[in-house]
Amino acid sequence: MSANIPETEKKRVVIIGGGFAGLQLAKSLDSRLFQIVLVDKVNYHQFQPLLYQVTSSGLEPSAIAFPFRKNFQNKKDFYFRLASVTRIATDEKVLETSIGAIKYDYLVIATGTDTNYFGMQNVRAAALPMKSVSEALALRNRILENLEHAVTATDPEERQALLNIVIVGGGATGVEVAGALSEMKRYIFNKDYPDLDTSKARIILIEGSDKLLRNMSEEASSKAFLFLKQMGVEINLQTVVVDYKDYKVVLKNGDTIPTKTLIWVSGVTGKPLPGIHEVCYGRGGRILVDAYNRVNGYQSVFAIGDISLQTEELYPVGHPQVAQVAIQQGKLLAKNLINGLNDQPLTPFHYLDKGSMATVGRNRAIVDLHQFRFQGLFAWMVWMIVHLLSILGVKNKIQIVINWFWSYVTYDQSLRLIIRPDDKTREKKDQKDDQNR
């Protein structure tokens, strides 16, 4: 079926979330057959694998963010709505949002996940997550501000707390941010702060399990551990954080680590959507779906990407929450929606694992493919090429190449700016947040 359908007869597909899954679905859907409405709280797609480089002053936020409207300028019958979802009225097929109601024929939930603090309220209040551009900027501000305060601190204990950076979570994000910050300490801190003994700065990585990169091979895990150790990162495996009090990370064994920079990349959880029955949620707050990504109990509601919990023989507890799963689910759902229009059988989803990779720092990366595993300089070059090809927009690609080249040649990252709202803007935002509570 490829001919145009009259506008009045088109099915409307409403997509909540413009991450990897939602963006891929919107791109893959044929606008001659469907009207497409994308709803998101921000007006841009953000390339999360490179957020850590915004945090470490290696890239500008604009290099890894791309406006939805620009991306879909040439796609007919596509509509973007900047809004927050308040409720899904599944019986009426209506999505209730902060800007009003949006009717749908098919609803696709691609909201991703939120940071999981495992019920620790003190950690939630003090820790800095890294799942969005705004959070990466806030973290960059915190690191730079703490260094500025350390310069003038007169209390040695306070100065050390300002210099200590604790990262909780030994997955790819934790490993990458630890490596990037250790390189900042080695090549930048001492030049920017000559009146501060930056050799006392500590980059501390905490992981609850017995290995880093636990979703990758043993070889990759061991190599990442070795790389980070060589770079001066303090690694604490089988170590669990239980609280954060008086600017100290409290560990399960009773030890404490003083820090005013606590980076939390330890886990994620799904955020419930009002209107979706509670029995539809499974492990980690993810939405239970069938082999076609239909939400259990609903015919016209689908979930794709990190928020969906779908099982198959090789993944009995669900697929890994990575970009490739989201992209593949988005592509297949677009095909299945067309098959549904044509009364053709739907194709069940089967994840094709193309491998995993992580970078630790300059000339250091780990790549796990099915038949090949390699580390070091070549892996680092492969990592750069793959991520560069995945970035949207030619301008963004050029900007990233320039920044990477400059950083490699000069051993410097030139984007060490503290950018924050002025006091009046923050006061108004705080007042609005209080009202919303």
Protein backbone atom coordinates (compact mmCIF):
# COMPACT_ATOMS: atom_id res chain seq x y z
CA MET A 1 0.00 0.00 0.00
CA SER A 2 1.79 3.12 -1.17
CA ALA A 3 -0.84 5.43 -2.67
CA ASN A 4 -1.86 8.52 -0.75
CA ILE A 5 -4.80 8.17 1.63
CA PRO A 6 -7.26 11.09 1.81
CA GLU A 7 -6.47 13.33 4.77
CA THR A 8 -9.83 12.61 6.42
CA GLU A 9 -9.21 8.86 6.32
CA LYS A 10 -5.63 8.84 7.63
CA LYS A 11 -4.91 7.18 10.94
CA ARG A 12 -3.29 9.48 13.48
CA VAL A 13 -0.22 8.12 15.25
CA VAL A 14 0.68 10.03 18.40
CA ILE A 15 4.20 9.43 19.73
CA ILE A 16 5.15 10.40 23.29
CA GLY A 17 8.88 11.07 23.43
CA GLY A 18 11.49 11.96 20.83
CA GLY A 19 14.39 9.80 21.99
CA PHE A 20 15.97 7.15 19.78
CA ALA A 21 12.78 5.05 19.63
CA GLY A 22 10.27 7.85 19.05
CA LEU A 23 12.49 9.66 16.55
CA GLN A 24 13.11 6.49 14.53
CA LEU A 25 9.39 5.67 14.43
CA ALA A 26 8.48 9.18 13.29
CA LYS A 27 11.15 9.02 10.56
CA SER A 28 10.07 5.54 9.42
CA LEU A 29 6.32 6.16 9.25
CA ASP A 30 4.95 6.95 5.80
CA SER A 31 3.17 10.30 6.06
CA ARG A 32 1.15 9.41 2.96
CA LEU A 33 -0.56 6.80 5.11
CA PHE A 34 -0.47 8.31 8.60
CA GLN A 35 -0.73 11.65 10.29
CA ILE A 36 2.16 11.83 12.77
CA VAL A 37 2.12 13.83 16.01
CA LEU A 38 5.23 13.89 18.19
CA VAL A 39 4.82 15.11 21.79
CA ASP A 40 7.82 15.95 23.97
CA LYS A 41 8.72 18.18 26.93
CA VAL A 42 11.69 19.59 24.99
CA ASN A 43 11.84 20.64 21.34
CA TYR A 44 14.94 18.68 20.39
CA HIS A 45 16.39 15.20 20.15
CA GLN A 46 19.46 14.73 22.33
CA PHE A 47 22.20 12.23 21.58
CA GLN A 48 22.63 10.74 25.04
CA PRO A 49 25.83 8.71 24.40
CA LEU A 50 27.79 11.98 24.21
CA LEU A 51 26.24 13.77 27.18
CA TYR A 52 29.35 13.05 29.22
CA GLN A 53 31.37 15.17 26.78
CA VAL A 54 29.12 18.14 27.52
CA THR A 55 29.74 17.52 31.23
CA SER A 56 33.51 17.43 30.71
CA SER A 57 33.52 20.60 28.56
CA GLY A 58 34.42 18.70 25.40
CA LEU A 59 31.29 19.57 23.40
CA GLU A 60 28.68 22.30 23.30
CA PRO A 61 25.10 21.14 23.99
CA SER A 62 24.08 22.30 20.52
CA ALA A 63 26.45 19.74 18.98
CA ILE A 64 24.45 16.80 20.33
CA ALA A 65 20.95 18.28 20.18
CA PHE A 66 18.82 18.69 17.06
CA PRO A 67 15.42 20.49 16.88
CA PHE A 68 12.52 18.22 15.96
CA ARG A 69 10.94 20.80 13.68
CA LYS A 70 14.16 21.19 11.68
CA ASN A 71 14.59 17.43 11.40
CA PHE A 72 11.09 16.98 9.97
CA GLN A 73 10.84 20.11 7.81
CA ASN A 74 10.38 18.03 4.67
CA LYS A 75 7.99 15.45 6.11
CA LYS A 76 4.38 16.19 5.25
CA ASP A 77 1.58 15.73 7.77
CA PHE A 78 4.03 15.72 10.67
CA TYR A 79 3.25 17.83 13.75
CA PHE A 80 5.31 18.53 16.84
CA ARG A 81 3.75 19.60 20.14
CA LEU A 82 5.77 20.90 23.07
CA ALA A 83 3.85 19.54 26.03
CA SER A 84 3.83 17.32 29.10
CA VAL A 85 1.50 14.33 29.29
CA THR A 86 -0.97 14.39 32.17
CA ARG A 87 -3.15 11.36 31.42
CA ILE A 88 -4.06 8.79 28.78
CA ALA A 89 -7.79 8.23 28.32
CA THR A 90 -7.54 4.88 26.56
CA ASP A 91 -11.31 4.30 26.25
CA GLU A 92 -11.76 7.59 24.39
CA LYS A 93 -8.39 7.34 22.60
CA VAL A 94 -7.37 10.75 23.89
CA LEU A 95 -4.00 11.90 25.18
CA GLU A 96 -4.41 14.63 27.78
CA THR A 97 -1.52 17.07 27.88
CA SER A 98 -0.50 20.43 29.35
CA ILE A 99 -1.69 22.13 26.15
CA GLY A 100 -4.97 20.24 25.79
CA ALA A 101 -6.33 16.95 24.49
CA ILE A 102 -4.94 15.14 21.45
CA LYS A 103 -7.00 12.38 19.84
CA TYR A 104 -5.22 9.34 18.46
CA ASP A 105 -5.86 6.18 16.50
CA TYR A 106 -2.56 4.67 17.61
CA LEU A 107 -0.60 5.82 20.64
CA VAL A 108 3.10 4.99 21.01
CA ILE A 109 4.81 5.46 24.37
CA ALA A 110 8.53 6.13 23.90
CA THR A 111 9.21 8.13 27.04
CA GLY A 112 12.46 6.44 28.01
CA THR A 113 13.37 6.13 31.67
CA ASP A 114 14.29 8.30 34.64
CA THR A 115 17.22 8.03 37.03
CA ASN A 116 16.66 5.46 39.78
CA TYR A 117 17.77 6.54 43.26
CA PHE A 118 16.50 3.33 44.89
CA GLY A 119 14.42 5.22 47.44
CA MET A 120 17.31 7.25 48.87
CA GLN A 121 15.81 10.73 49.28
CA ASN A 122 19.03 12.41 50.41
CA VAL A 123 20.80 11.08 47.35
CA ARG A 124 17.94 12.23 45.11
CA ALA A 125 18.16 15.73 46.57
CA ALA A 126 21.94 16.10 46.28
CA ALA A 127 23.14 13.88 43.43
CA LEU A 128 23.47 15.02 39.85
CA PRO A 129 22.13 12.64 37.19
CA MET A 130 23.13 12.72 33.52
CA LYS A 131 20.21 11.77 31.28
CA SER A 132 19.59 15.09 29.52
CA VAL A 133 21.41 18.10 28.11
CA SER A 134 20.19 20.30 30.96
CA GLU A 135 21.46 17.78 33.55
CA ALA A 136 24.83 17.55 31.79
CA LEU A 137 25.12 21.35 31.85
CA ALA A 138 24.16 21.45 35.53
CA LEU A 139 26.88 18.90 36.26
CA ARG A 140 29.46 20.88 34.29
CA ASN A 141 28.52 23.98 36.29
CA ARG A 142 28.82 22.10 39.57
CA ILE A 143 32.30 20.75 38.79
CA LEU A 144 33.63 24.14 37.68
CA GLU A 145 31.97 26.05 40.53
CA ASN A 146 33.39 23.65 43.10
CA LEU A 147 36.89 24.15 41.69
CA GLU A 148 36.42 27.91 41.95
CA HIS A 149 35.27 27.58 45.56
CA ALA A 150 38.19 25.25 46.33
CA VAL A 151 40.63 28.00 45.33
CA THR A 152 39.44 30.25 48.16
CA ALA A 153 38.46 27.60 50.72
CA THR A 154 40.38 27.97 53.99
CA ASP A 155 39.21 24.75 55.63
CA PRO A 156 41.28 21.77 54.33
CA GLU A 157 38.38 19.34 54.80
CA GLU A 158 35.99 21.56 52.88
CA ARG A 159 38.57 22.02 50.12
CA GLN A 160 39.01 18.26 49.79
CA ALA A 161 35.23 17.74 49.60
CA LEU A 162 35.15 20.30 46.78
CA LEU A 163 37.97 18.50 44.96
CA ASN A 164 36.53 14.99 45.30
CA ILE A 165 34.27 13.80 42.49
CA VAL A 166 32.32 10.62 43.21
CA ILE A 167 30.64 8.72 40.36
CA VAL A 168 28.16 5.99 41.30
CA GLY A 169 27.56 3.43 38.57
CA GLY A 170 30.11 1.40 36.62
CA GLY A 171 28.23 1.02 33.36
CA ALA A 172 29.25 2.68 30.10
CA THR A 173 28.20 6.17 31.25
CA GLY A 174 30.06 5.90 34.56
CA VAL A 175 33.21 4.58 32.89
CA GLU A 176 33.14 7.26 30.20
CA VAL A 177 32.56 10.20 32.54
CA ALA A 178 35.23 8.91 34.94
CA GLY A 179 37.73 8.71 32.09
CA ALA A 180 36.84 12.17 30.78
CA LEU A 181 37.13 13.80 34.21
CA SER A 182 40.43 12.08 34.93
CA GLU A 183 41.80 13.57 31.71
CA MET A 184 40.53 17.00 32.76
CA LYS A 185 42.39 16.58 36.04
CA ARG A 186 45.58 15.55 34.24
CA TYR A 187 45.67 18.08 31.42
CA ILE A 188 43.49 21.04 32.44
CA PHE A 189 42.94 21.52 36.18
CA ASN A 190 46.57 22.36 36.94
CA LYS A 191 46.74 24.91 34.10
CA ASP A 192 43.44 26.60 34.92
CA TYR A 193 44.03 26.64 38.68
CA PRO A 194 47.77 27.21 39.27
CA ASP A 195 47.04 28.51 42.79
CA LEU A 196 45.30 25.25 43.74
CA ASP A 197 46.94 21.88 44.43
CA THR A 198 44.81 19.95 41.94
CA SER A 199 46.90 16.81 42.43
CA LYS A 200 44.73 16.24 45.49
CA ALA A 201 41.59 16.02 43.34
CA ARG A 202 40.16 12.50 43.42
CA ILE A 203 38.00 10.83 40.78
CA ILE A 204 36.23 7.97 42.56
CA LEU A 205 34.09 5.40 40.72
CA ILE A 206 31.74 3.21 42.78
CA GLU A 207 30.05 0.07 41.40
CA GLY A 208 27.82 -2.32 43.34
CA SER A 209 28.67 -5.44 41.34
CA ASP A 210 32.00 -7.22 40.97
CA LYS A 211 32.90 -5.74 37.54
CA LEU A 212 32.69 -2.65 35.38
CA LEU A 213 30.67 -2.76 32.15
CA ARG A 214 28.80 -5.81 33.40
CA ASN A 215 26.79 -6.06 30.16
CA MET A 216 29.97 -6.51 28.14
CA SER A 217 32.54 -9.30 28.03
CA GLU A 218 34.96 -10.15 30.83
CA GLU A 219 37.79 -9.00 28.58
CA ALA A 220 36.14 -5.60 28.08
CA SER A 221 35.45 -5.24 31.78
CA SER A 222 39.03 -6.07 32.75
CA LYS A 223 40.46 -3.73 30.14
CA ALA A 224 38.24 -0.84 31.24
CA PHE A 225 39.34 -1.42 34.83
CA LEU A 226 42.99 -1.38 33.78
CA PHE A 227 42.61 1.74 31.63
CA LEU A 228 40.91 3.70 34.42
CA LYS A 229 43.46 2.58 37.00
CA GLN A 230 46.25 3.77 34.73
CA MET A 231 44.47 7.12 34.46
CA GLY A 232 44.35 7.53 38.23
CA VAL A 233 40.67 6.76 38.82
CA GLU A 234 39.93 5.15 42.20
CA ILE A 235 37.63 2.18 41.55
CA ASN A 236 35.51 0.59 44.28
CA LEU A 237 33.77 -2.61 43.16
CA GLN A 238 31.16 -4.48 45.21
CA THR A 239 30.54 -1.23 47.05
CA VAL A 240 27.02 0.00 47.76
CA VAL A 241 25.96 3.57 48.52
CA VAL A 242 23.23 3.79 51.17
CA ASP A 243 22.99 7.53 51.90
CA TYR A 244 24.44 11.01 51.50
CA LYS A 245 24.75 13.14 54.63
CA ASP A 246 26.73 16.26 55.53
CA TYR A 247 28.40 16.27 52.10
CA LYS A 248 29.55 12.70 52.58
CA VAL A 249 28.70 9.60 50.58
CA VAL A 250 27.75 6.87 53.07
CA LEU A 251 28.68 3.31 52.06
CA LYS A 252 27.05 0.11 53.22
CA ASN A 253 30.20 -0.94 55.07
CA GLY A 254 30.04 2.26 57.15
CA ASP A 255 32.80 4.15 55.36
CA THR A 256 32.20 7.68 54.10
CA ILE A 257 33.67 9.73 51.27
CA PRO A 258 33.52 13.54 51.53
CA THR A 259 32.36 15.18 48.30
CA LYS A 260 30.30 18.06 47.03
CA THR A 261 30.08 16.51 43.56
CA LEU A 262 28.06 13.31 43.53
CA ILE A 263 27.31 11.99 40.03
CA TRP A 264 24.58 9.34 39.95
CA VAL A 265 24.48 7.03 36.92
CA SER A 266 23.67 3.86 38.81
CA GLY A 267 20.32 2.81 37.40
CA VAL A 268 17.10 3.77 35.65
CA THR A 269 13.40 3.26 36.20
CA GLY A 270 10.26 3.82 34.20
CA LYS A 271 7.89 6.62 35.13
CA PRO A 272 4.22 5.53 35.31
CA LEU A 273 1.76 7.25 33.00
CA PRO A 274 -1.69 7.94 34.47
CA GLY A 275 -4.26 5.99 32.48
CA ILE A 276 -2.15 2.89 31.86
CA HIS A 277 -3.28 0.20 34.30
CA GLU A 278 -0.78 -0.68 37.02
CA VAL A 279 -0.79 -4.36 36.02
CA CYS A 280 0.90 -3.29 32.78
CA TYR A 281 4.11 -2.38 34.59
CA GLY A 282 6.88 -4.87 35.21
CA ARG A 283 10.42 -4.93 36.51
CA GLY A 284 12.07 -1.52 36.74
CA GLY A 285 8.82 0.32 36.07
CA ARG A 286 8.89 -0.75 32.42
CA ILE A 287 5.69 -1.30 30.46
CA LEU A 288 4.90 -4.92 29.56
CA VAL A 289 4.42 -5.43 25.82
CA ASP A 290 3.84 -8.36 23.49
CA ALA A 291 6.04 -9.46 20.58
CA TYR A 292 4.65 -6.58 18.48
CA ASN A 293 5.26 -3.94 21.17
CA ARG A 294 1.55 -3.67 22.00
CA VAL A 295 0.98 -2.77 25.63
CA ASN A 296 -0.62 -5.73 27.39
CA GLY A 297 -4.39 -5.34 27.46
CA TYR A 298 -4.56 -2.57 24.85
CA GLN A 299 -5.04 -2.89 21.09
CA SER A 300 -4.09 0.63 20.02
CA VAL A 301 -1.38 1.52 22.55
CA PHE A 302 2.26 0.56 21.99
CA ALA A 303 5.51 1.05 23.91
CA ILE A 304 9.01 1.03 22.43
CA GLY A 305 12.53 1.73 23.60
CA ASP A 306 13.77 1.77 27.19
CA ILE A 307 10.28 2.05 28.68
CA SER A 308 9.12 -1.23 27.11
CA LEU A 309 9.65 -4.62 28.72
CA GLN A 310 9.60 -7.27 26.04
CA THR A 311 10.96 -10.79 26.41
CA GLU A 312 12.17 -13.39 23.96
CA GLU A 313 14.22 -16.58 24.21
CA LEU A 314 17.61 -14.84 24.33
CA TYR A 315 16.33 -12.08 26.63
CA PRO A 316 14.05 -13.70 29.22
CA VAL A 317 14.11 -10.66 31.54
CA GLY A 318 13.83 -8.06 28.76
CA HIS A 319 16.07 -6.43 26.20
CA PRO A 320 18.99 -4.25 27.25
CA GLN A 321 18.08 -0.57 27.51
CA VAL A 322 20.34 0.63 24.71
CA ALA A 323 19.87 2.75 21.61
CA GLN A 324 19.98 -0.14 19.13
CA VAL A 325 16.97 -1.84 20.71
CA ALA A 326 15.01 1.41 20.55
CA ILE A 327 15.96 2.08 16.92
CA GLN A 328 15.12 -1.44 15.77
CA GLN A 329 11.77 -1.41 17.59
CA GLY A 330 10.89 1.95 16.04
CA LYS A 331 11.64 0.68 12.52
CA LEU A 332 9.66 -2.54 12.96
CA LEU A 333 6.65 -0.85 14.56
CA ALA A 334 6.40 1.48 11.55
CA LYS A 335 6.26 -1.57 9.26
CA ASN A 336 3.73 -3.33 11.48
CA LEU A 337 1.42 -0.32 11.53
CA ILE A 338 1.41 -0.41 7.73
CA ASN A 339 0.80 -4.17 7.81
CA GLY A 340 -2.15 -3.50 10.10
CA LEU A 341 -3.66 -1.08 7.58
CA ASN A 342 -3.34 -3.74 4.88
CA ASP A 343 -4.70 -6.55 7.08
CA GLN A 344 -1.38 -8.35 6.73
CA PRO A 345 0.30 -10.42 9.49
CA LEU A 346 2.45 -8.52 11.95
CA THR A 347 6.15 -9.34 12.35
CA PRO A 348 7.33 -10.15 15.88
CA PHE A 349 10.33 -8.25 17.17
CA HIS A 350 13.68 -9.99 17.56
CA TYR A 351 16.63 -7.93 18.70
CA LEU A 352 19.75 -8.10 16.55
CA ASP A 353 22.67 -7.35 18.85
CA LYS A 354 25.28 -5.48 16.79
CA GLY A 355 27.74 -5.29 19.68
CA SER A 356 28.71 -2.85 22.41
CA MET A 357 31.37 -0.23 22.86
CA ALA A 358 32.59 2.28 25.40
CA THR A 359 35.36 4.86 25.47
CA VAL A 360 37.58 5.44 28.46
CA GLY A 361 39.66 8.33 27.18
CA ARG A 362 42.25 9.43 24.65
CA ASN A 363 43.29 6.43 22.52
CA ARG A 364 41.41 4.11 24.90
CA ALA A 365 38.14 2.36 24.07
CA ILE A 366 36.56 -1.09 24.23
CA VAL A 367 34.60 -2.69 21.41
CA ASP A 368 32.69 -5.98 21.75
CA LEU A 369 31.37 -7.45 18.50
CA HIS A 370 30.09 -10.97 17.96
CA GLN A 371 33.23 -12.25 16.30
CA PHE A 372 35.73 -9.56 17.24
CA ARG A 373 36.79 -7.92 20.47
CA PHE A 374 39.43 -5.25 20.55
CA GLN A 375 40.61 -2.39 22.72
CA GLY A 376 42.90 0.60 22.58
CA LEU A 377 43.57 3.07 19.77
CA PHE A 378 41.78 1.21 16.96
CA ALA A 379 38.73 0.67 19.17
CA TRP A 380 38.77 4.38 20.02
CA MET A 381 38.77 5.30 16.32
CA VAL A 382 35.90 2.88 15.63
CA TRP A 383 33.97 4.36 18.55
CA MET A 384 34.42 7.89 17.17
CA ILE A 385 33.33 6.93 13.65
CA VAL A 386 30.22 5.06 14.81
CA HIS A 387 29.09 7.88 17.08
CA LEU A 388 29.84 10.56 14.51
CA LEU A 389 27.74 8.77 11.88
CA SER A 390 24.86 8.52 14.36
CA ILE A 391 24.72 12.27 15.02
CA LEU A 392 21.95 14.18 13.25
CA GLY A 393 22.85 17.07 10.97
CA VAL A 394 25.94 17.84 8.90
CA LYS A 395 26.68 20.98 10.92
CA ASN A 396 26.62 19.00 14.16
CA LYS A 397 29.01 16.42 12.70
CA ILE A 398 31.44 19.13 11.57
CA GLN A 399 31.25 20.87 14.94
CA ILE A 400 32.04 17.64 16.77
CA VAL A 401 34.96 16.77 14.48
CA ILE A 402 36.47 20.22 15.04
CA ASN A 403 36.12 19.95 18.82
CA TRP A 404 37.55 16.43 18.89
CA PHE A 405 40.48 17.40 16.67
CA TRP A 406 41.25 20.51 18.72
CA SER A 407 41.09 18.60 22.00
CA TYR A 408 43.32 15.83 20.64
CA VAL A 409 45.99 18.20 19.31
CA THR A 410 46.04 20.68 22.21
CA TYR A 411 45.17 18.35 25.12
CA ASP A 412 42.57 20.98 26.01
CA GLN A 413 38.81 21.41 26.13
CA SER A 414 37.88 25.02 25.54
CA LEU A 415 34.27 25.06 26.69
CA ARG A 416 34.76 25.51 30.42
CA LEU A 417 31.92 27.99 30.90
CA ILE A 418 29.68 28.28 33.95
CA ILE A 419 26.30 29.09 32.43
CA ARG A 420 23.28 29.35 34.70
CA PRO A 421 20.09 31.43 35.07
CA ASP A 422 20.45 34.68 36.97
CA ASP A 423 19.01 34.90 40.48
CA LYS A 424 15.69 36.42 39.37
CA THR A 425 15.14 33.72 36.76
CA ARG A 426 15.95 30.96 39.26
CA GLU A 427 13.67 32.55 41.87
CA LYS A 428 10.76 32.60 39.44
CA LYS A 429 11.45 28.98 38.47
CA ASP A 430 11.55 27.92 42.14
CA GLN A 431 8.24 29.67 42.76
CA LYS A 432 6.67 27.94 39.77
CA ASP A 433 8.03 24.56 40.90
CA ASP A 434 6.56 25.14 44.38
CA GLN A 435 3.16 25.90 42.84
CA ASN A 436 3.29 22.77 40.70
CA ARG A 437 4.02 20.66 43.78
